[in-house]
Every structure is written in structure tokens, then in C-alpha cells.
Amino acid sequence: MTRKLSSILLVIMLLTFVFTGCGSTETDELDEIVVLLDWVPNTNHTGLYVAIEKGYYEDKGLAVDIKQPSEGGSADLIAAGKGEFGISHQEQMTYARTAENPLPVKAIAAIIQHNTSGFASPKEKNITSPKDFEGKRYGGWGSEMEEAVLKGFMDKAGADFSKVTMVNIGTSDFFGATQKDVDFAWIYYGWDGVASEVKNQPINFIKLQELVPELDFYTPVIVTSEDVINNNPELVKRFLRATEKGYRFAINNPEEAAEILVENVPEIDKELAIASQKFLAGEYMKGTDRWGVMEKERWELFGDWMFENNLIERKLNAEEAFTNDFLP
């Protein structure tokens, strides 16, 4: 009887091993997480959609739900526990970490290595330098940050900021606004700049860091809360491993990646998405062989610039604002 019982128990153990896959993640319940975007879905976010579509998150035991907040920026919502991860930018994170009551959030990866933004205007307006901003109408969204950037930009070139008329155009389309309301605006080349090529509407474009190196800040970045970092560091690592794989796919297969984005967000123009993704393929890891990595010096330079321009009340401690510790 003892030998019979032992044989039966052995069979049961073997069957259990076969059917459970020895605890493989394929049969484990997925961890549901929310990713909050910074604004409307666009090609900056392609790697996230690729990672969902290709099963990279599922392979890491994650079920990812991408959500768009009602207003730009996700740092406040992530700090409040409304999502595990969010898309933000170095400017917002600098404000968050230097506020009177600092938000417990950290940047954990840079989606794009260098700032692709700058001041743009239709070619026919002949605005080719900050000096040409004088006597012109600038279309912005009414933040202290953009006014300081514009002023610092013009001061550096010996131009008079007081001669610029500031117009709040909110989220108006760049092309429509510069045809009737303003002369120039602040854009991201990866979207509106590429759109000018697709639409065959030539622009003049002046990149920020070409004149003011401190403005080569990270935008966008992926952020999470200190609560998630402290209580579930393995979740952060799993999320970034899958996300990195999604962006590397977008780098190597920009057209297919753009098509995945458009399938998930059909309101995006397909031609623009493909052209934009081809542009960003060369920007995601420009100057580095490691996706997502950030430099302390650039956080400090931009933080010091914001402090010197009275945009923040105390200096930034860069190590409180970002970390590379969870990158693959």
C-alpha cells in the first residue's frame, strides 16, 4: 500500500508540474496598471502602444491601460495615486520637486534624448533669428515658463523682449494660428515641424538649445510616484523593460510602429504619424546606446536656469527628481 500511495502521489506531482507550468507568468494573473498621458496621444507615445500590441507588457505580467487626462500634465495625478506611471516633462518635474510642498514623483526614463522644440513661423514671415521676434505677435498658452524662455532667448541674442506682443492661443493649431492670429509659436519639430513638410507649408525653425544650451531639457519623460518605487520596485523594472522593447521596435520599424499607433488612435493622420515616427526614430536614443537614460548635469543646468529666472523658489536637487536605477 505504501508503494502504491507513493506512486499515486508522484503522478499527481508530475501532473501538477505539467499543467501549472512550474509557476510560469503565462498562467499568473496580470497586474493591472494605468499609464496617464501628458496630452492627446501622439507619436511620442508610440512605444507604449507597440508594447501593448506586441504583448511585451503581457510577457512581463502586466495589463496596461493608457488614459488621457482632461488637462495637460500627469505629475499631480500620479502623486495622488490615480495611475502607476505617467508621461510628463523635465519642466513639470522641476516645478513638482521644488514646490513648497514637493510632489513625491520621479522621472524614471527619457522617451527622447534631446529637446526637439523651438520657435517656428511660416517661411513667408521671414523670421530667422530672435532679433526678428521684435514687433511680432507670439502665440502661446500663457505660462510663466514660456515667457521666461522667450525673454531669455531674446536676451541672449541682444533682442528686446518688450517689443513682442504675447497672445494666448491655447491649444489652437499652429498652422491656423500663424495664418491669422500670430506670427510665430513654440512647437515640437517631431509633430508640427514634420507636419509642415507633409503639408508642404515651409517654416523657419529655431531650436531652443542652439542658442541657450540649458534649454536642452528632457521632454517627454516617464514618471512614477515614490510610493510605487518604494513599495513595488519590481513593477517599475518590469514596466520599463517592456516599454523599452516597444520603443526599440519603433526605432527599428518606424512605419509599422506608426501603423500600430493609428490603429489604436484612429483620429491621428496616418501620413503624418508615419513621417513623424521616422523622424523620432533618430531622436529616441540620439547620442546614447541606452534607451531612457538621463544625465544629472542636464537636470542641474535646467534647474539652475529656472531658479535664476525666478521660475522656482528654491534650487532643484536633481537626485530627488530623476533616477536611472530601473532602466534595463
Protein backbone atom coordinates (compact mmCIF):
# COMPACT_ATOMS: atom_id res chain seq x y z
CA MET A 1 0.00 0.00 0.00
CA THR A 2 2.86 2.37 0.82
CA ARG A 3 4.47 1.85 -2.61
CA LYS A 4 1.07 2.33 -4.31
CA LEU A 5 0.43 5.53 -2.39
CA SER A 6 3.89 6.85 -3.22
CA SER A 7 3.33 6.14 -6.92
CA ILE A 8 -0.03 7.94 -6.89
CA LEU A 9 1.47 10.98 -5.15
CA LEU A 10 4.32 11.06 -7.70
CA VAL A 11 1.85 11.03 -10.60
CA ILE A 12 -0.15 13.86 -9.01
CA MET A 13 3.01 15.96 -8.58
CA LEU A 14 4.04 15.40 -12.19
CA LEU A 15 0.60 16.34 -13.49
CA THR A 16 0.60 19.46 -11.33
CA PHE A 17 4.00 20.42 -12.74
CA VAL A 18 2.83 19.97 -16.34
CA PHE A 19 -0.44 21.87 -16.02
CA THR A 20 0.84 24.78 -13.93
CA GLY A 21 3.98 25.28 -15.98
CA CYS A 22 6.01 25.38 -12.76
CA GLY A 23 4.61 28.85 -11.89
CA SER A 24 5.22 30.47 -15.29
CA THR A 25 3.93 34.04 -15.72
CA GLU A 26 1.75 32.89 -18.63
CA THR A 27 -0.79 31.48 -16.20
CA ASP A 28 -0.37 34.08 -13.47
CA GLU A 29 -2.93 36.84 -13.17
CA LEU A 30 -1.72 40.06 -14.82
CA ASP A 31 -1.02 43.16 -12.74
CA GLU A 32 -3.34 45.91 -13.97
CA ILE A 33 -1.68 49.32 -14.25
CA VAL A 34 -2.71 52.72 -15.59
CA VAL A 35 -0.45 54.97 -17.69
CA LEU A 36 -1.54 58.61 -17.87
CA LEU A 37 -0.53 60.58 -20.95
CA ASP A 38 0.62 64.20 -20.89
CA TRP A 39 -1.93 65.27 -23.52
CA VAL A 40 -3.54 63.80 -26.63
CA PRO A 41 -1.96 60.56 -27.95
CA ASN A 42 0.80 61.21 -30.50
CA THR A 43 3.98 59.66 -31.83
CA ASN A 44 5.88 60.37 -28.57
CA HIS A 45 3.72 57.62 -27.09
CA THR A 46 4.15 55.05 -29.85
CA GLY A 47 6.36 52.70 -27.83
CA LEU A 48 3.59 52.28 -25.25
CA TYR A 49 1.03 51.22 -27.85
CA VAL A 50 3.56 48.92 -29.54
CA ALA A 51 4.34 47.25 -26.20
CA ILE A 52 0.63 46.56 -25.70
CA GLU A 53 0.03 45.36 -29.27
CA LYS A 54 3.10 43.11 -29.39
CA GLY A 55 2.41 41.57 -25.97
CA TYR A 56 5.58 42.93 -24.36
CA TYR A 57 3.69 44.07 -21.27
CA GLU A 58 1.80 40.82 -21.02
CA ASP A 59 5.11 38.95 -21.18
CA LYS A 60 6.12 40.87 -18.06
CA GLY A 61 2.84 40.06 -16.31
CA LEU A 62 1.25 43.46 -16.94
CA ALA A 63 -2.10 44.63 -18.30
CA VAL A 64 -1.65 48.28 -19.29
CA ASP A 65 -4.47 50.80 -19.67
CA ILE A 66 -3.44 54.08 -21.35
CA LYS A 67 -5.54 57.05 -20.32
CA GLN A 68 -5.62 60.70 -21.38
CA PRO A 69 -6.06 63.24 -18.57
CA SER A 70 -8.54 66.08 -19.05
CA GLU A 71 -5.71 68.62 -18.89
CA GLY A 72 -2.02 68.53 -19.76
CA GLY A 73 0.45 67.01 -17.33
CA SER A 74 0.26 63.91 -15.18
CA ALA A 75 2.57 64.56 -12.20
CA ASP A 76 -0.24 65.68 -9.86
CA LEU A 77 -2.38 62.67 -10.75
CA ILE A 78 0.48 60.20 -10.34
CA ALA A 79 1.33 61.73 -6.96
CA ALA A 80 -2.32 61.28 -5.98
CA GLY A 81 -2.27 57.61 -6.95
CA LYS A 82 -4.55 57.94 -9.99
CA GLY A 83 -2.14 55.89 -12.08
CA GLU A 84 1.09 53.95 -11.66
CA PHE A 85 3.01 55.69 -14.46
CA GLY A 86 2.64 58.93 -16.38
CA ILE A 87 4.12 60.98 -19.21
CA SER A 88 5.49 64.35 -18.17
CA HIS A 89 8.50 66.57 -18.94
CA GLN A 90 11.50 67.96 -17.10
CA GLU A 91 9.90 71.38 -16.70
CA GLN A 92 6.88 69.98 -14.86
CA MET A 93 9.05 67.69 -12.73
CA THR A 94 11.27 70.61 -11.73
CA TYR A 95 8.24 72.56 -10.56
CA ALA A 96 6.91 69.48 -8.77
CA ARG A 97 10.09 68.80 -6.82
CA THR A 98 10.79 72.44 -5.85
CA ALA A 99 7.27 73.42 -4.78
CA GLU A 100 6.57 74.49 -1.19
CA ASN A 101 5.00 71.05 -0.77
CA PRO A 102 7.04 68.90 -3.19
CA LEU A 103 5.18 66.19 -5.07
CA PRO A 104 6.53 62.68 -4.35
CA VAL A 105 7.17 61.83 -8.01
CA LYS A 106 10.28 60.91 -10.01
CA ALA A 107 11.25 60.70 -13.66
CA ILE A 108 12.38 57.15 -14.47
CA ALA A 109 13.09 57.33 -18.22
CA ALA A 110 13.54 59.87 -21.00
CA ILE A 111 11.45 59.00 -24.05
CA ILE A 112 13.50 61.30 -26.29
CA GLN A 113 17.12 62.16 -25.57
CA HIS A 114 17.14 65.82 -26.64
CA ASN A 115 14.65 68.67 -26.74
CA THR A 116 13.23 68.86 -30.27
CA SER A 117 11.25 72.05 -29.63
CA GLY A 118 11.82 75.59 -30.79
CA PHE A 119 10.23 78.72 -32.21
CA ALA A 120 8.61 78.35 -35.61
CA SER A 121 6.96 80.62 -38.14
CA PRO A 122 5.71 80.38 -41.73
CA LYS A 123 8.57 80.87 -44.18
CA GLU A 124 6.99 83.94 -45.75
CA LYS A 125 7.18 85.89 -42.47
CA ASN A 126 11.00 85.92 -42.73
CA ILE A 127 11.61 85.30 -39.02
CA THR A 128 15.04 83.70 -38.96
CA SER A 129 16.55 84.93 -35.66
CA PRO A 130 15.39 86.10 -32.19
CA LYS A 131 16.01 89.69 -33.36
CA ASP A 132 13.19 89.17 -35.86
CA PHE A 133 10.77 88.50 -32.98
CA GLU A 134 10.67 92.23 -32.27
CA GLY A 135 7.42 93.79 -33.43
CA LYS A 136 5.84 90.36 -33.90
CA ARG A 137 2.95 88.51 -32.20
CA TYR A 138 3.88 85.38 -30.26
CA GLY A 139 1.21 82.71 -29.85
CA GLY A 140 1.46 80.73 -26.62
CA TRP A 141 -0.53 79.09 -23.84
CA GLY A 142 0.01 81.74 -21.15
CA SER A 143 2.60 80.18 -18.83
CA GLU A 144 5.40 81.94 -16.94
CA MET A 145 7.80 79.33 -18.27
CA GLU A 146 7.31 80.18 -21.94
CA GLU A 147 7.59 83.91 -21.26
CA ALA A 148 10.89 83.34 -19.41
CA VAL A 149 12.19 81.10 -22.20
CA LEU A 150 11.27 83.64 -24.86
CA LYS A 151 12.80 86.51 -22.88
CA GLY A 152 15.99 84.56 -22.13
CA PHE A 153 16.20 83.50 -25.75
CA MET A 154 15.93 87.08 -26.97
CA ASP A 155 18.26 88.50 -24.31
CA LYS A 156 20.93 86.03 -25.40
CA ALA A 157 20.67 87.36 -28.97
CA GLY A 158 20.58 91.03 -27.90
CA ALA A 159 16.92 91.41 -28.85
CA ASP A 160 14.26 93.43 -26.96
CA PHE A 161 11.59 91.19 -25.43
CA SER A 162 9.36 94.18 -24.64
CA LYS A 163 8.73 94.60 -28.36
CA VAL A 164 6.92 91.23 -28.61
CA THR A 165 3.14 91.05 -28.28
CA MET A 166 2.11 87.96 -26.27
CA VAL A 167 -1.12 86.30 -27.47
CA ASN A 168 -2.71 83.33 -25.69
CA ILE A 169 -3.85 80.89 -28.37
CA GLY A 170 -4.30 77.92 -26.04
CA THR A 171 -4.32 74.64 -27.97
CA SER A 172 -5.04 76.23 -31.36
CA ASP A 173 -3.50 74.60 -34.41
CA PHE A 174 -0.10 76.10 -35.25
CA PHE A 175 -0.84 76.47 -38.95
CA GLY A 176 -4.23 78.10 -38.48
CA ALA A 177 -2.98 80.42 -35.73
CA THR A 178 0.05 81.66 -37.67
CA GLN A 179 -2.09 82.39 -40.72
CA LYS A 180 -4.44 84.79 -38.94
CA ASP A 181 -3.69 85.48 -35.25
CA VAL A 182 0.06 85.39 -34.58
CA ASP A 183 3.42 85.41 -36.34
CA PHE A 184 5.33 82.67 -34.52
CA ALA A 185 4.88 80.00 -31.86
CA TRP A 186 6.70 77.37 -29.82
CA ILE A 187 6.39 73.91 -31.42
CA TYR A 188 7.86 70.43 -31.26
CA TYR A 189 9.51 69.66 -34.55
CA GLY A 190 8.64 65.98 -34.28
CA TRP A 191 4.98 66.89 -34.75
CA ASP A 192 4.27 70.36 -36.19
CA GLY A 193 7.68 70.59 -37.86
CA VAL A 194 7.16 67.28 -39.61
CA ALA A 195 3.57 68.32 -40.39
CA SER A 196 4.92 71.38 -42.23
CA GLU A 197 6.85 69.02 -44.50
CA VAL A 198 3.87 66.71 -45.04
CA LYS A 199 1.56 69.67 -45.78
CA ASN A 200 4.24 71.38 -47.91
CA GLN A 201 3.96 74.53 -45.80
CA PRO A 202 7.62 75.58 -45.25
CA ILE A 203 8.58 77.07 -41.90
CA ASN A 204 11.56 78.74 -40.30
CA PHE A 205 12.56 76.90 -37.13
CA ILE A 206 14.96 77.96 -34.37
CA LYS A 207 15.78 75.16 -31.91
CA LEU A 208 15.96 76.28 -28.27
CA GLN A 209 19.28 74.73 -27.22
CA GLU A 210 21.13 76.06 -30.26
CA LEU A 211 21.14 79.46 -28.57
CA VAL A 212 20.57 78.54 -24.90
CA PRO A 213 22.21 75.16 -24.07
CA GLU A 214 20.43 74.98 -20.70
CA LEU A 215 17.14 74.52 -22.57
CA ASP A 216 18.07 71.05 -23.80
CA PHE A 217 15.73 69.59 -21.19
CA TYR A 218 14.17 66.13 -21.31
CA THR A 219 10.72 66.16 -22.86
CA PRO A 220 8.82 63.90 -22.57
CA VAL A 221 9.78 61.68 -19.63
CA ILE A 222 8.10 58.73 -17.93
CA VAL A 223 7.33 59.33 -14.25
CA THR A 224 6.07 57.36 -11.28
CA SER A 225 5.41 58.01 -7.61
CA GLU A 226 7.82 57.42 -4.76
CA ASP A 227 5.15 55.17 -3.29
CA VAL A 228 5.36 52.81 -6.29
CA ILE A 229 9.17 52.98 -6.28
CA ASN A 230 9.40 52.15 -2.57
CA ASN A 231 6.68 49.52 -2.39
CA ASN A 232 6.91 47.82 -5.78
CA PRO A 233 10.32 48.39 -7.41
CA GLU A 234 9.99 45.17 -9.42
CA LEU A 235 6.83 46.55 -11.05
CA VAL A 236 8.81 49.58 -12.21
CA LYS A 237 11.53 47.37 -13.65
CA ARG A 238 9.05 45.13 -15.48
CA PHE A 239 7.21 48.12 -16.90
CA LEU A 240 10.38 49.76 -18.19
CA ARG A 241 11.74 46.55 -19.71
CA ALA A 242 8.59 46.12 -21.77
CA THR A 243 8.37 49.84 -22.60
CA GLU A 244 11.98 49.94 -23.75
CA LYS A 245 11.27 47.00 -26.04
CA GLY A 246 8.32 48.92 -27.50
CA TYR A 247 10.43 51.97 -28.27
CA ARG A 248 13.28 49.93 -29.71
CA PHE A 249 10.73 48.34 -32.05
CA ALA A 250 9.58 51.85 -33.04
CA ILE A 251 13.20 52.84 -33.73
CA ASN A 252 13.84 49.83 -35.95
CA ASN A 253 10.37 49.67 -37.56
CA PRO A 254 9.02 53.25 -37.61
CA GLU A 255 6.38 52.69 -40.29
CA GLU A 256 4.89 49.56 -38.70
CA ALA A 257 5.03 51.21 -35.27
CA ALA A 258 3.16 54.26 -36.61
CA GLU A 259 0.50 51.99 -38.10
CA ILE A 260 0.03 50.35 -34.68
CA LEU A 261 -0.43 53.81 -33.14
CA VAL A 262 -3.02 54.80 -35.75
CA GLU A 263 -4.90 51.52 -35.31
CA ASN A 264 -5.25 52.34 -31.62
CA VAL A 265 -5.83 56.08 -32.11
CA PRO A 266 -7.61 56.37 -35.49
CA GLU A 267 -8.08 60.15 -35.24
CA ILE A 268 -4.35 60.59 -35.92
CA ASP A 269 -3.49 61.30 -39.56
CA LYS A 270 -1.65 58.22 -40.85
CA GLU A 271 0.68 60.04 -43.24
CA LEU A 272 1.74 62.46 -40.50
CA ALA A 273 2.17 59.63 -37.98
CA ILE A 274 4.49 57.69 -40.28
CA ALA A 275 6.57 60.76 -41.17
CA SER A 276 6.77 61.81 -37.52
CA GLN A 277 7.75 58.33 -36.39
CA LYS A 278 10.53 58.18 -38.98
CA PHE A 279 11.86 61.48 -37.61
CA LEU A 280 11.65 60.33 -33.99
CA ALA A 281 13.36 57.03 -34.79
CA GLY A 282 16.59 59.01 -34.96
CA GLU A 283 15.82 61.03 -31.83
CA TYR A 284 14.74 58.48 -29.20
CA MET A 285 18.32 57.33 -28.47
CA LYS A 286 20.34 60.08 -30.16
CA GLY A 287 23.84 60.21 -28.71
CA THR A 288 23.43 57.15 -26.46
CA ASP A 289 23.19 53.38 -26.74
CA ARG A 290 20.79 53.07 -23.79
CA TRP A 291 17.14 53.99 -24.18
CA GLY A 292 15.71 56.19 -21.44
CA VAL A 293 18.96 57.21 -19.74
CA MET A 294 19.21 60.73 -18.26
CA GLU A 295 22.18 62.90 -17.24
CA LYS A 296 22.36 64.59 -13.85
CA GLU A 297 24.19 67.57 -15.36
CA ARG A 298 21.30 68.41 -17.70
CA TRP A 299 18.80 68.26 -14.83
CA GLU A 300 21.02 70.59 -12.82
CA LEU A 301 21.65 73.02 -15.69
CA PHE A 302 17.97 73.42 -16.45
CA GLY A 303 17.04 73.59 -12.76
CA ASP A 304 19.62 76.33 -12.19
CA TRP A 305 18.32 78.21 -15.23
CA MET A 306 14.77 78.08 -13.87
CA PHE A 307 15.98 79.29 -10.46
CA GLU A 308 18.00 82.15 -11.95
CA ASN A 309 14.95 83.20 -13.98
CA ASN A 310 12.74 83.22 -10.85
CA LEU A 311 10.57 80.36 -12.09
CA ILE A 312 11.20 78.29 -8.95
CA GLU A 313 11.77 79.47 -5.38
CA ARG A 314 14.48 77.03 -4.41
CA LYS A 315 17.20 75.14 -6.23
CA LEU A 316 16.47 71.71 -7.58
CA ASN A 317 18.06 68.64 -6.04
CA ALA A 318 18.40 66.60 -9.24
CA GLU A 319 18.64 63.29 -7.42
CA GLU A 320 15.15 63.88 -5.99
CA ALA A 321 13.73 64.48 -9.48
CA PHE A 322 15.03 61.54 -11.54
CA THR A 323 16.67 58.14 -11.44
CA ASN A 324 18.18 55.71 -13.95
CA ASP A 325 18.11 52.83 -11.48
CA PHE A 326 15.17 50.98 -13.06
CA LEU A 327 16.23 51.12 -16.70
CA PRO A 328 17.05 47.84 -18.48
